[in-house]
Protein backbone atom coordinates (compact mmCIF):
# COMPACT_ATOMS: atom_id res chain seq x y z
CA MET A 1 135.78 27.47 123.20
CA ALA A 2 132.81 25.96 121.37
CA ILE A 3 129.43 27.59 120.84
CA MET A 4 126.66 25.05 120.50
CA SER A 5 123.89 24.87 117.95
CA ILE A 6 120.93 22.52 118.36
CA SER A 7 121.23 19.25 116.52
CA ILE A 8 117.68 17.93 116.39
CA LEU A 9 117.73 14.31 117.45
CA VAL A 10 114.28 13.79 118.88
CA ALA A 11 113.74 11.66 121.98
CA THR A 12 110.66 9.80 120.81
CA ALA A 13 109.36 8.66 124.20
CA CYS A 14 108.28 12.10 125.47
CA LYS A 15 104.54 11.51 125.86
CA SER A 16 101.54 13.79 125.97
CA PRO A 17 99.79 14.52 129.28
CA GLY A 18 97.40 11.94 130.60
CA SER A 19 97.84 8.62 132.34
CA SER A 20 96.20 5.24 132.22
CA ASN A 21 96.64 4.91 135.98
CA PRO A 22 96.04 8.25 137.74
CA GLU A 23 95.95 8.31 141.51
CA SER A 24 93.19 10.47 142.94
CA ALA A 25 94.04 13.69 144.77
CA ASN A 26 92.41 13.83 148.21
CA SER A 27 93.00 16.75 150.53
CA GLU A 28 93.33 16.00 154.23
CA PRO A 29 92.07 18.27 156.99
CA GLY A 30 94.30 21.10 158.07
CA SER A 31 95.25 24.59 157.01
CA SER A 32 97.60 24.95 154.05
CA ALA A 33 99.75 27.16 156.24
CA GLU A 34 100.57 24.27 158.59
CA ALA A 35 103.68 22.14 158.16
CA THR A 36 101.48 19.05 158.54
CA SER A 37 99.36 19.91 155.48
CA ALA A 38 99.55 16.92 153.12
CA ILE A 39 97.73 15.40 150.16
CA VAL A 40 97.92 12.22 148.14
CA PRO A 41 98.98 13.75 144.81
CA THR A 42 97.71 12.82 141.40
CA ILE A 43 100.52 10.96 139.67
CA GLU A 44 100.59 10.28 135.96
CA ARG A 45 102.28 6.90 135.72
CA LEU A 46 103.26 6.61 132.08
CA ASP A 47 105.74 3.76 132.51
CA PRO A 48 106.06 0.94 135.09
CA THR A 49 109.58 2.12 135.88
CA LEU A 50 108.07 5.03 137.79
CA ASP A 51 107.01 2.54 140.50
CA LEU A 52 110.72 2.13 141.33
CA ILE A 53 110.98 5.88 141.91
CA VAL A 54 107.69 7.16 143.36
CA PRO A 55 106.07 5.14 146.18
CA ALA A 56 102.53 3.93 145.59
CA GLN A 57 101.28 5.90 148.60
CA ALA A 58 103.46 8.97 148.13
CA ARG A 59 102.32 12.01 150.06
CA LEU A 60 102.90 15.62 149.08
CA GLU A 61 103.50 17.81 152.14
CA LYS A 62 103.26 21.60 152.17
CA VAL A 63 105.86 22.69 154.71
CA ALA A 64 105.66 26.48 154.23
CA THR A 65 103.46 28.95 152.37
CA GLY A 66 102.58 32.63 152.05
CA PHE A 67 105.19 33.68 149.49
CA THR A 68 104.87 35.09 145.96
CA TRP A 69 107.28 33.20 143.69
CA THR A 70 109.67 30.75 145.35
CA GLU A 71 112.83 29.54 143.60
CA GLY A 72 116.38 28.29 143.97
CA PRO A 73 116.12 25.76 146.81
CA VAL A 74 119.25 24.19 148.26
CA TRP A 75 119.56 21.87 151.26
CA ILE A 76 122.17 22.80 153.86
CA GLN A 77 123.65 19.69 155.46
CA SER A 78 123.29 21.00 158.99
CA GLY A 79 119.57 20.46 158.51
CA TYR A 80 117.63 23.24 156.78
CA LEU A 81 116.45 24.43 153.37
CA MET A 82 117.36 27.74 151.80
CA PHE A 83 115.24 29.23 149.01
CA ALA A 84 114.57 32.52 147.25
CA ASP A 85 111.32 34.45 147.27
CA ILE A 86 112.20 36.53 144.22
CA PRO A 87 109.51 39.27 144.34
CA SER A 88 110.34 40.06 147.99
CA ASN A 89 114.06 40.29 147.09
CA SER A 90 114.99 37.80 149.79
CA ILE A 91 116.67 34.49 150.54
CA ARG A 92 114.88 32.59 153.28
CA LYS A 93 115.55 29.48 155.32
CA TRP A 94 113.11 26.83 156.45
CA THR A 95 114.12 24.77 159.46
CA PRO A 96 112.09 21.70 160.47
CA GLY A 97 110.24 22.48 163.67
CA ALA A 98 111.15 26.17 163.58
CA GLY A 99 109.59 27.39 160.33
CA VAL A 100 110.76 30.16 158.00
CA SER A 101 113.07 33.08 158.69
CA ILE A 102 114.72 35.66 156.44
CA PHE A 103 118.37 34.86 155.76
CA MET A 104 119.17 37.82 153.47
CA GLN A 105 117.23 40.82 152.22
CA PRO A 106 117.92 42.31 149.75
CA SER A 107 119.39 39.35 147.90
CA GLY A 108 119.37 40.86 144.40
CA TYR A 109 118.68 44.47 143.47
CA LYS A 110 120.20 46.85 146.00
CA GLY A 111 119.19 50.27 144.65
CA SER A 112 117.32 52.80 146.78
CA ALA A 113 114.56 53.45 144.21
CA PRO A 114 111.81 50.86 143.62
CA TYR A 115 113.01 48.24 141.17
CA GLY A 116 110.15 48.65 138.71
CA GLY A 117 110.07 45.00 137.66
CA PRO A 118 108.42 41.85 139.01
CA GLU A 119 111.58 39.94 140.04
CA PRO A 120 114.10 42.09 141.95
CA GLY A 121 115.61 39.23 143.96
CA SER A 122 118.14 36.45 143.47
CA ASN A 123 117.31 33.13 141.83
CA GLY A 124 118.99 29.69 141.70
CA MET A 125 121.43 28.53 144.38
CA THR A 126 123.90 25.69 144.79
CA LEU A 127 126.93 24.74 146.89
CA ASP A 128 130.51 24.45 145.73
CA ARG A 129 132.82 21.66 146.87
CA ALA A 130 133.82 23.73 149.92
CA GLY A 131 130.17 24.12 150.94
CA ARG A 132 130.01 27.80 149.98
CA LEU A 133 126.67 29.12 148.78
CA THR A 134 126.72 30.19 145.13
CA VAL A 135 123.86 32.33 143.86
CA ALA A 136 122.43 33.35 140.49
CA GLY A 137 122.09 37.07 141.13
CA HIS A 138 119.12 37.50 138.74
CA ALA A 139 118.18 41.20 139.06
CA GLN A 140 121.74 41.92 140.21
CA GLN A 141 122.92 40.65 136.77
CA ASN A 142 125.75 38.58 138.17
CA VAL A 143 126.76 35.32 139.84
CA TRP A 144 128.10 35.57 143.38
CA ARG A 145 129.42 33.39 146.19
CA LEU A 146 129.01 33.73 149.93
CA GLU A 147 132.30 32.80 151.56
CA ARG A 148 130.50 31.09 154.42
CA ILE A 149 126.82 30.48 155.10
CA ASP A 150 126.28 33.66 157.03
CA SER A 151 124.39 36.64 155.62
CA LYS A 152 127.18 38.94 156.80
CA ALA A 153 129.98 36.87 155.24
CA PRO A 154 132.13 38.35 152.45
CA ILE A 155 130.73 38.06 148.92
CA THR A 156 132.82 37.17 145.88
CA ILE A 157 131.54 38.00 142.39
CA LEU A 158 132.20 35.07 140.05
CA ALA A 159 130.75 36.55 136.83
CA ASP A 160 129.19 39.85 135.82
CA THR A 161 130.07 40.57 132.18
CA TYR A 162 130.78 38.74 128.94
CA GLN A 163 133.12 40.47 126.47
CA GLY A 164 132.59 43.76 128.28
CA LYS A 165 128.79 43.61 128.33
CA ARG A 166 126.68 43.01 131.42
CA LEU A 167 125.04 39.64 131.84
CA ASN A 168 121.25 39.57 131.45
CA SER A 169 120.02 37.99 134.70
CA PRO A 170 121.66 34.69 135.68
CA ASN A 171 118.90 32.22 136.46
CA ASP A 172 120.19 28.80 137.50
CA LEU A 173 123.58 27.20 137.98
CA VAL A 174 125.46 23.95 138.60
CA TYR A 175 129.04 23.01 139.46
CA LYS A 176 131.02 20.30 137.72
CA SER A 177 133.29 18.23 139.96
CA ASP A 178 136.37 20.00 138.54
CA GLY A 179 135.16 23.26 140.11
CA SER A 180 133.90 24.89 136.92
CA LEU A 181 130.48 26.55 137.11
CA TYR A 182 127.78 26.48 134.42
CA PHE A 183 124.85 28.90 134.41
CA THR A 184 121.90 30.05 132.31
CA ASP A 185 121.26 33.71 131.51
CA PRO A 186 117.74 34.54 130.25
CA PRO A 187 116.23 38.03 130.76
CA TYR A 188 113.64 37.16 133.45
CA GLY A 189 115.33 39.29 136.11
CA LEU A 190 115.24 42.43 133.96
CA ARG A 191 112.45 44.92 134.53
CA THR A 192 110.45 44.07 131.38
CA GLN A 193 111.74 40.47 131.07
CA LYS A 194 112.01 41.08 127.31
CA ASP A 195 114.84 41.03 124.79
CA ASP A 196 114.44 44.75 124.11
CA ASP A 197 114.78 45.72 127.77
CA PRO A 198 116.91 48.89 128.06
CA ALA A 199 119.24 47.14 130.52
CA LYS A 200 119.91 44.20 128.20
CA GLN A 201 123.37 44.58 126.68
CA LEU A 202 123.86 41.07 125.26
CA GLN A 203 121.97 39.92 122.18
CA VAL A 204 122.02 36.27 123.26
CA ASN A 205 120.36 34.52 126.17
CA GLY A 206 123.22 32.18 126.75
CA VAL A 207 124.55 29.27 128.75
CA TYR A 208 128.00 29.98 130.16
CA ARG A 209 130.91 28.23 131.84
CA ILE A 210 133.32 29.73 134.39
CA PRO A 211 136.46 27.54 134.38
CA GLY A 212 137.91 27.08 137.86
CA ALA A 213 135.16 29.06 139.60
CA ALA A 214 135.59 27.12 142.84
CA ASP A 215 139.26 28.11 142.92
CA GLN A 216 138.64 31.85 142.63
CA LYS A 217 140.11 33.46 145.73
CA PRO A 218 137.73 35.21 148.12
CA GLY A 219 137.24 38.82 147.07
CA ALA A 220 139.16 38.41 143.81
CA GLU A 221 137.85 39.92 140.59
CA PRO A 222 135.88 37.59 138.30
CA PHE A 223 137.75 35.63 135.62
CA ARG A 224 136.04 37.82 133.01
CA ALA A 225 138.32 36.96 130.09
CA GLN A 226 137.85 33.24 130.73
CA LEU A 227 134.04 33.20 130.74
CA GLN A 228 132.88 30.87 127.96
CA LEU A 229 129.62 31.18 126.03
CA LEU A 230 128.68 27.55 125.30
CA ILE A 231 125.10 27.75 124.02
CA LYS A 232 123.53 30.75 122.31
CA ASP A 233 120.55 29.39 120.34
CA LEU A 234 118.02 28.75 123.12
CA PRO A 235 115.64 31.72 123.43
CA ARG A 236 114.95 31.22 127.15
CA PRO A 237 117.46 28.79 128.75
CA ASN A 238 116.48 28.07 132.31
CA GLY A 239 117.15 24.90 134.35
CA ILE A 240 120.56 23.22 134.22
CA VAL A 241 122.01 20.02 135.71
CA PHE A 242 124.65 17.34 135.01
CA SER A 243 124.06 13.63 134.71
CA PRO A 244 125.63 11.79 137.69
CA ASP A 245 128.67 10.77 135.65
CA GLU A 246 128.94 14.28 134.15
CA LYS A 247 128.95 12.89 130.61
CA TYR A 248 125.89 14.99 129.81
CA LEU A 249 124.59 18.44 130.64
CA TYR A 250 120.84 18.97 130.60
CA VAL A 251 119.49 22.43 129.82
CA ASN A 252 115.83 23.27 129.35
CA ASN A 253 114.06 26.16 127.64
CA SER A 254 110.92 27.74 129.07
CA GLU A 255 109.40 29.56 126.08
CA PRO A 256 108.17 29.86 123.41
CA LYS A 257 109.00 26.18 123.06
CA LYS A 258 108.90 24.06 126.22
CA ILE A 259 111.85 21.78 125.58
CA TRP A 260 114.60 19.85 127.35
CA MET A 261 118.02 19.51 125.70
CA ARG A 262 120.90 17.12 126.42
CA TYR A 263 124.51 17.96 125.50
CA THR A 264 127.61 15.77 125.57
CA VAL A 265 130.34 17.23 127.77
CA ARG A 266 133.81 17.22 126.22
CA ALA A 267 136.96 16.62 128.24
CA ASP A 268 137.70 20.36 128.24
CA GLY A 269 134.25 21.15 129.66
CA THR A 270 132.74 22.49 126.43
CA LEU A 271 129.65 20.94 124.86
CA THR A 272 128.75 19.09 121.70
CA ASP A 273 125.97 16.94 120.16
CA GLY A 274 122.92 18.85 121.36
CA MET A 275 119.94 16.48 121.41
CA LEU A 276 116.28 17.33 121.85
CA PHE A 277 115.40 15.31 124.93
CA CYS A 278 111.70 16.19 125.11
CA ASP A 279 109.24 18.72 123.67
CA ALA A 280 106.21 19.61 125.81
CA THR A 281 105.18 22.72 123.89
CA SER A 282 101.71 21.34 123.22
CA ASP A 283 101.02 20.80 126.94
CA THR A 284 98.85 23.72 128.06
CA ARG A 285 98.84 23.01 131.80
CA PRO A 286 100.32 25.74 134.05
CA GLY A 287 104.08 25.70 134.21
CA ALA A 288 107.07 25.26 131.93
CA PRO A 289 110.52 23.65 131.98
CA ASP A 290 112.46 25.24 134.84
CA GLY A 291 114.65 23.93 137.68
CA MET A 292 116.05 20.37 137.42
CA LYS A 293 117.81 17.73 139.48
CA VAL A 294 118.98 14.13 138.93
CA ASP A 295 118.99 11.06 141.15
CA GLN A 296 121.83 8.57 141.61
CA LYS A 297 120.40 6.31 138.88
CA GLY A 298 120.50 9.16 136.37
CA ASN A 299 116.76 9.87 136.26
CA LEU A 300 115.95 13.51 135.56
CA TYR A 301 113.40 15.51 137.59
CA SER A 302 112.21 18.84 136.23
CA ALA A 303 109.62 21.52 136.70
CA GLY A 304 107.21 21.31 133.78
CA PRO A 305 103.58 21.75 132.78
CA GLY A 306 101.39 20.54 135.63
CA GLY A 307 104.14 19.70 138.13
CA VAL A 308 107.36 17.67 138.34
CA TRP A 309 108.22 15.65 135.23
CA ILE A 310 110.40 12.56 135.64
CA PHE A 311 112.50 11.18 132.77
CA SER A 312 114.68 8.11 132.40
CA PRO A 313 118.36 8.72 131.46
CA ALA A 314 117.41 7.76 127.89
CA GLY A 315 114.81 10.54 127.70
CA LYS A 316 111.63 8.57 128.28
CA HIS A 317 108.94 10.51 130.12
CA LEU A 318 108.14 8.11 132.96
CA GLY A 319 105.47 10.22 134.60
CA THR A 320 104.49 13.47 136.27
CA ILE A 321 103.75 14.34 139.89
CA ASP A 322 100.91 16.85 139.67
CA PHE A 323 101.15 19.92 141.90
CA PRO A 324 98.44 22.33 143.05
CA GLU A 325 100.69 25.29 142.14
CA LYS A 326 103.07 26.13 139.32
CA VAL A 327 106.45 24.49 140.00
CA ALA A 328 109.68 26.47 139.73
CA ASN A 329 112.55 24.38 141.08
CA MET A 330 113.57 21.56 143.43
CA ALA A 331 116.37 20.24 145.65
CA TRP A 332 117.26 16.98 147.37
CA GLY A 333 117.27 17.11 151.14
CA ASP A 334 117.06 15.38 154.52
CA THR A 335 119.73 12.99 155.77
CA ASP A 336 119.27 10.33 153.09
CA TYR A 337 118.65 12.76 150.18
CA LYS A 338 115.51 10.86 149.19
CA THR A 339 113.26 13.82 149.95
CA LEU A 340 112.58 16.16 147.04
CA TYR A 341 111.86 19.72 148.19
CA VAL A 342 109.92 21.68 145.59
CA THR A 343 109.45 25.44 145.28
CA ALA A 344 106.04 26.07 143.74
CA SER A 345 104.66 29.61 143.48
CA SER A 346 103.55 30.58 147.00
CA SER A 347 104.68 27.45 148.83
CA ILE A 348 107.40 24.92 149.62
CA TYR A 349 106.49 21.23 149.27
CA ARG A 350 108.30 17.96 149.88
CA ILE A 351 107.79 14.38 148.78
CA SER A 352 109.71 11.25 149.82
CA LEU A 353 110.95 9.12 146.93
CA LYS A 354 112.77 5.79 146.61
CA ILE A 355 116.11 6.72 145.00
CA PRO A 356 118.58 9.15 146.60
CA GLY A 357 119.39 12.30 144.72
CA VAL A 358 122.77 13.60 143.61
CA PHE A 359 123.93 16.15 146.15
CA PRO A 360 126.82 18.64 145.77
CA GLN A 361 130.08 16.97 146.76
CA ILE A 362 131.41 18.90 149.74
CA HIS A 363 135.00 18.23 150.75
């Protein structure tokens, strides 16, 4: 087991906000609560390569609104989006033509007394290779799996402690094709969201790996002794995603520094050669590095200051899609996986792009 330290190799092409070719933002008639609500977003085009990714006349559609802090979107192949509304302690589903319904509530904290913190719900979600929903429990301080996509299905706990101490509040997660699961564990789901929170038992805010998570039998106890702490020097690790070939793992950090890191993945699944991919600490626009996804060409999409930041595989900041709300996370969806669904504060948005995204491989 290897614990990573940051090796500062700066990606020099991470640029400051501002674009030489901004597209104007023009609102169209219609209530923001309607699924047809759409705008032509402002797009910072910092490199011509972005034209191969974002259409010239891209439209940003608001498909649902009225929430408090949306997170953890995942597209279900039968044709709907699942996402978390963390403050309401719920997982919801949005179905085209039918709107939003509650899938599970509570999804995180299950105590009878009021939680006493701002984020009692669950957070990031993904699918394993069998199509089972895997959830960062956040306020529940664990990682769990739903054995089928049914709110009444059995739940299997995949991780809850490290070396006998409770996890902080697992935030986001991603599977590797070998069935191992990687997740970030900052304190944002704790009541105070601070490192001195009374419920915080671990000194680190780590990035972990569960070897063979997809092979854990339904209802079996977590592989507690096998849980690996891979990164322990990021103060607030948040979003996490693999490159398409799984040679690299991207992890970002929300505060105090707004940075993206890239790590080389060893054959045994541990990490090495941490590289600073981009530093946006000086960008004062609303938002910070958070949820991330990649497309089939290896471009990286991430929540960041002002909206969705898009990077080349080499770490060049190609541009930013500006959003009217603070962005939290995103997921590829629709039949061709060219639609990026974005959870942003009170609303769910979508935008059609040119390159398909990488979607969980379901067998």
